[in-house]
């Protein structure tokens, strides 16, 4: 039996909210200590663990070495089974050439 992805924990939701608000207000992610202060984690290691789990799930990504460079990853729209792309490259090989029928 296949299960969907697990929902975020309350703490992960809180961390995501802090990141969203920081990106909206300042244009860059918060520091590990800022996240810890706003979600109630005193250990920077605990904050880094939460950030690592969010990164592993593909919800955030770092553009640099520090966590303050994190950005939200755009969620891909869910694909409906049985539908194929009808975009400009539909029916073309890797070089944009039409495939012979």
C-alpha atoms as a PDB file:
ATOM      1  CA  UNK A   1       0.000   0.000   0.000  1.00  0.00           C
ATOM      2  CA  UNK A   2       1.450   3.364  -1.040  1.00  0.00           C
ATOM      3  CA  UNK A   3       1.086   6.345   1.249  1.00  0.00           C
ATOM      4  CA  UNK A   4       1.342   9.987   0.308  1.00  0.00           C
ATOM      5  CA  UNK A   5       3.955  12.239   1.872  1.00  0.00           C
ATOM      6  CA  UNK A   6       3.636  12.831   5.585  1.00  0.00           C
ATOM      7  CA  UNK A   7       2.165  16.158   6.633  1.00  0.00           C
ATOM      8  CA  UNK A   8       4.473  18.699   8.219  1.00  0.00           C
ATOM      9  CA  UNK A   9       4.780  18.721  11.980  1.00  0.00           C
ATOM     10  CA  UNK A  10       3.625  21.766  13.924  1.00  0.00           C
ATOM     11  CA  UNK A  11       7.253  22.787  14.450  1.00  0.00           C
ATOM     12  CA  UNK A  12       8.049  22.438  10.734  1.00  0.00           C
ATOM     13  CA  UNK A  13       4.995  24.549   9.901  1.00  0.00           C
ATOM     14  CA  UNK A  14       6.218  27.200  12.354  1.00  0.00           C
ATOM     15  CA  UNK A  15       9.705  27.199  10.800  1.00  0.00           C
ATOM     16  CA  UNK A  16       8.196  27.531   7.318  1.00  0.00           C
ATOM     17  CA  UNK A  17       6.070  30.470   8.520  1.00  0.00           C
ATOM     18  CA  UNK A  18       9.161  32.229   9.904  1.00  0.00           C
ATOM     19  CA  UNK A  19      11.005  31.710   6.621  1.00  0.00           C
ATOM     20  CA  UNK A  20       8.036  32.974   4.575  1.00  0.00           C
ATOM     21  CA  UNK A  21       7.640  36.108   6.682  1.00  0.00           C
ATOM     22  CA  UNK A  22      11.374  36.864   6.620  1.00  0.00           C
ATOM     23  CA  UNK A  23      11.521  36.485   2.848  1.00  0.00           C
ATOM     24  CA  UNK A  24       8.483  38.749   2.455  1.00  0.00           C
ATOM     25  CA  UNK A  25       9.697  41.414   4.907  1.00  0.00           C
ATOM     26  CA  UNK A  26      13.446  41.494   4.253  1.00  0.00           C
ATOM     27  CA  UNK A  27      14.019  39.624   1.011  1.00  0.00           C
ATOM     28  CA  UNK A  28      16.280  37.007   2.575  1.00  0.00           C
ATOM     29  CA  UNK A  29      15.913  34.102   4.947  1.00  0.00           C
ATOM     30  CA  UNK A  30      16.261  34.366   8.724  1.00  0.00           C
ATOM     31  CA  UNK A  31      19.318  33.213  10.631  1.00  0.00           C
ATOM     32  CA  UNK A  32      19.246  29.980  12.607  1.00  0.00           C
ATOM     33  CA  UNK A  33      19.127  31.939  15.860  1.00  0.00           C
ATOM     34  CA  UNK A  34      16.227  34.101  14.624  1.00  0.00           C
ATOM     35  CA  UNK A  35      14.254  30.993  13.708  1.00  0.00           C
ATOM     36  CA  UNK A  36      15.002  29.434  17.095  1.00  0.00           C
ATOM     37  CA  UNK A  37      13.876  32.542  18.962  1.00  0.00           C
ATOM     38  CA  UNK A  38      10.597  32.759  17.023  1.00  0.00           C
ATOM     39  CA  UNK A  39       9.620  29.065  17.239  1.00  0.00           C
ATOM     40  CA  UNK A  40      10.861  28.371  20.774  1.00  0.00           C
ATOM     41  CA  UNK A  41      14.003  26.326  20.078  1.00  0.00           C
ATOM     42  CA  UNK A  42      17.024  27.305  22.139  1.00  0.00           C
ATOM     43  CA  UNK A  43      19.448  24.928  20.433  1.00  0.00           C
ATOM     44  CA  UNK A  44      20.804  25.962  17.034  1.00  0.00           C
ATOM     45  CA  UNK A  45      21.364  22.279  16.369  1.00  0.00           C
ATOM     46  CA  UNK A  46      17.628  21.639  16.739  1.00  0.00           C
ATOM     47  CA  UNK A  47      16.852  24.442  14.295  1.00  0.00           C
ATOM     48  CA  UNK A  48      19.429  23.102  11.828  1.00  0.00           C
ATOM     49  CA  UNK A  49      17.851  19.656  12.137  1.00  0.00           C
ATOM     50  CA  UNK A  50      14.403  21.056  11.279  1.00  0.00           C
ATOM     51  CA  UNK A  51      15.849  22.993   8.342  1.00  0.00           C
ATOM     52  CA  UNK A  52      17.636  19.879   7.116  1.00  0.00           C
ATOM     53  CA  UNK A  53      14.389  17.891   7.204  1.00  0.00           C
ATOM     54  CA  UNK A  54      12.585  20.623   5.244  1.00  0.00           C
ATOM     55  CA  UNK A  55      15.417  20.693   2.725  1.00  0.00           C
ATOM     56  CA  UNK A  56      15.321  16.896   2.391  1.00  0.00           C
ATOM     57  CA  UNK A  57      11.581  17.108   1.655  1.00  0.00           C
ATOM     58  CA  UNK A  58      12.280  19.619  -1.096  1.00  0.00           C
ATOM     59  CA  UNK A  59      10.408  22.508   0.543  1.00  0.00           C
ATOM     60  CA  UNK A  60      13.402  24.813   0.946  1.00  0.00           C
ATOM     61  CA  UNK A  61      16.785  25.099  -0.721  1.00  0.00           C
ATOM     62  CA  UNK A  62      19.944  27.047   0.044  1.00  0.00           C
ATOM     63  CA  UNK A  63      21.508  29.314  -2.536  1.00  0.00           C
ATOM     64  CA  UNK A  64      24.684  29.582  -0.472  1.00  0.00           C
ATOM     65  CA  UNK A  65      26.379  27.890   2.432  1.00  0.00           C
ATOM     66  CA  UNK A  66      24.387  29.480   5.273  1.00  0.00           C
ATOM     67  CA  UNK A  67      20.791  28.765   6.181  1.00  0.00           C
ATOM     68  CA  UNK A  68      19.984  32.463   5.867  1.00  0.00           C
ATOM     69  CA  UNK A  69      20.310  31.981   2.098  1.00  0.00           C
ATOM     70  CA  UNK A  70      17.379  29.565   2.050  1.00  0.00           C
ATOM     71  CA  UNK A  71      14.537  30.084  -0.371  1.00  0.00           C
ATOM     72  CA  UNK A  72      11.181  28.402  -0.704  1.00  0.00           C
ATOM     73  CA  UNK A  73      11.026  25.838  -3.467  1.00  0.00           C
ATOM     74  CA  UNK A  74       8.079  26.347  -5.786  1.00  0.00           C
ATOM     75  CA  UNK A  75       5.663  23.480  -5.520  1.00  0.00           C
ATOM     76  CA  UNK A  76       5.044  21.690  -8.784  1.00  0.00           C
ATOM     77  CA  UNK A  77       1.378  21.357  -9.681  1.00  0.00           C
ATOM     78  CA  UNK A  78       0.083  17.846  -9.217  1.00  0.00           C
ATOM     79  CA  UNK A  79      -0.039  15.910 -12.473  1.00  0.00           C
ATOM     80  CA  UNK A  80      -3.227  14.179 -13.361  1.00  0.00           C
ATOM     81  CA  UNK A  81      -2.699  10.620 -14.562  1.00  0.00           C
ATOM     82  CA  UNK A  82      -3.298   9.929 -18.225  1.00  0.00           C
ATOM     83  CA  UNK A  83      -2.663  13.462 -19.485  1.00  0.00           C
ATOM     84  CA  UNK A  84       0.264  14.253 -21.749  1.00  0.00           C
ATOM     85  CA  UNK A  85       1.938  17.548 -22.367  1.00  0.00           C
ATOM     86  CA  UNK A  86       0.711  19.494 -25.378  1.00  0.00           C
ATOM     87  CA  UNK A  87       3.444  22.108 -25.076  1.00  0.00           C
ATOM     88  CA  UNK A  88       5.657  23.359 -27.896  1.00  0.00           C
ATOM     89  CA  UNK A  89       7.953  20.348 -27.608  1.00  0.00           C
ATOM     90  CA  UNK A  90       5.245  17.690 -27.632  1.00  0.00           C
ATOM     91  CA  UNK A  91       6.110  15.044 -30.202  1.00  0.00           C
ATOM     92  CA  UNK A  92       9.662  16.362 -30.681  1.00  0.00           C
ATOM     93  CA  UNK A  93      12.995  14.724 -30.020  1.00  0.00           C
ATOM     94  CA  UNK A  94      15.606  16.335 -27.763  1.00  0.00           C
ATOM     95  CA  UNK A  95      16.654  18.777 -30.505  1.00  0.00           C
ATOM     96  CA  UNK A  96      13.203  20.173 -31.315  1.00  0.00           C
ATOM     97  CA  UNK A  97      12.783  18.034 -34.449  1.00  0.00           C
ATOM     98  CA  UNK A  98       9.426  16.404 -35.081  1.00  0.00           C
ATOM     99  CA  UNK A  99       9.445  12.657 -34.685  1.00  0.00           C
ATOM    100  CA  UNK A 100       8.394  10.578 -37.666  1.00  0.00           C
ATOM    101  CA  UNK A 101       5.032   8.799 -37.153  1.00  0.00           C
END
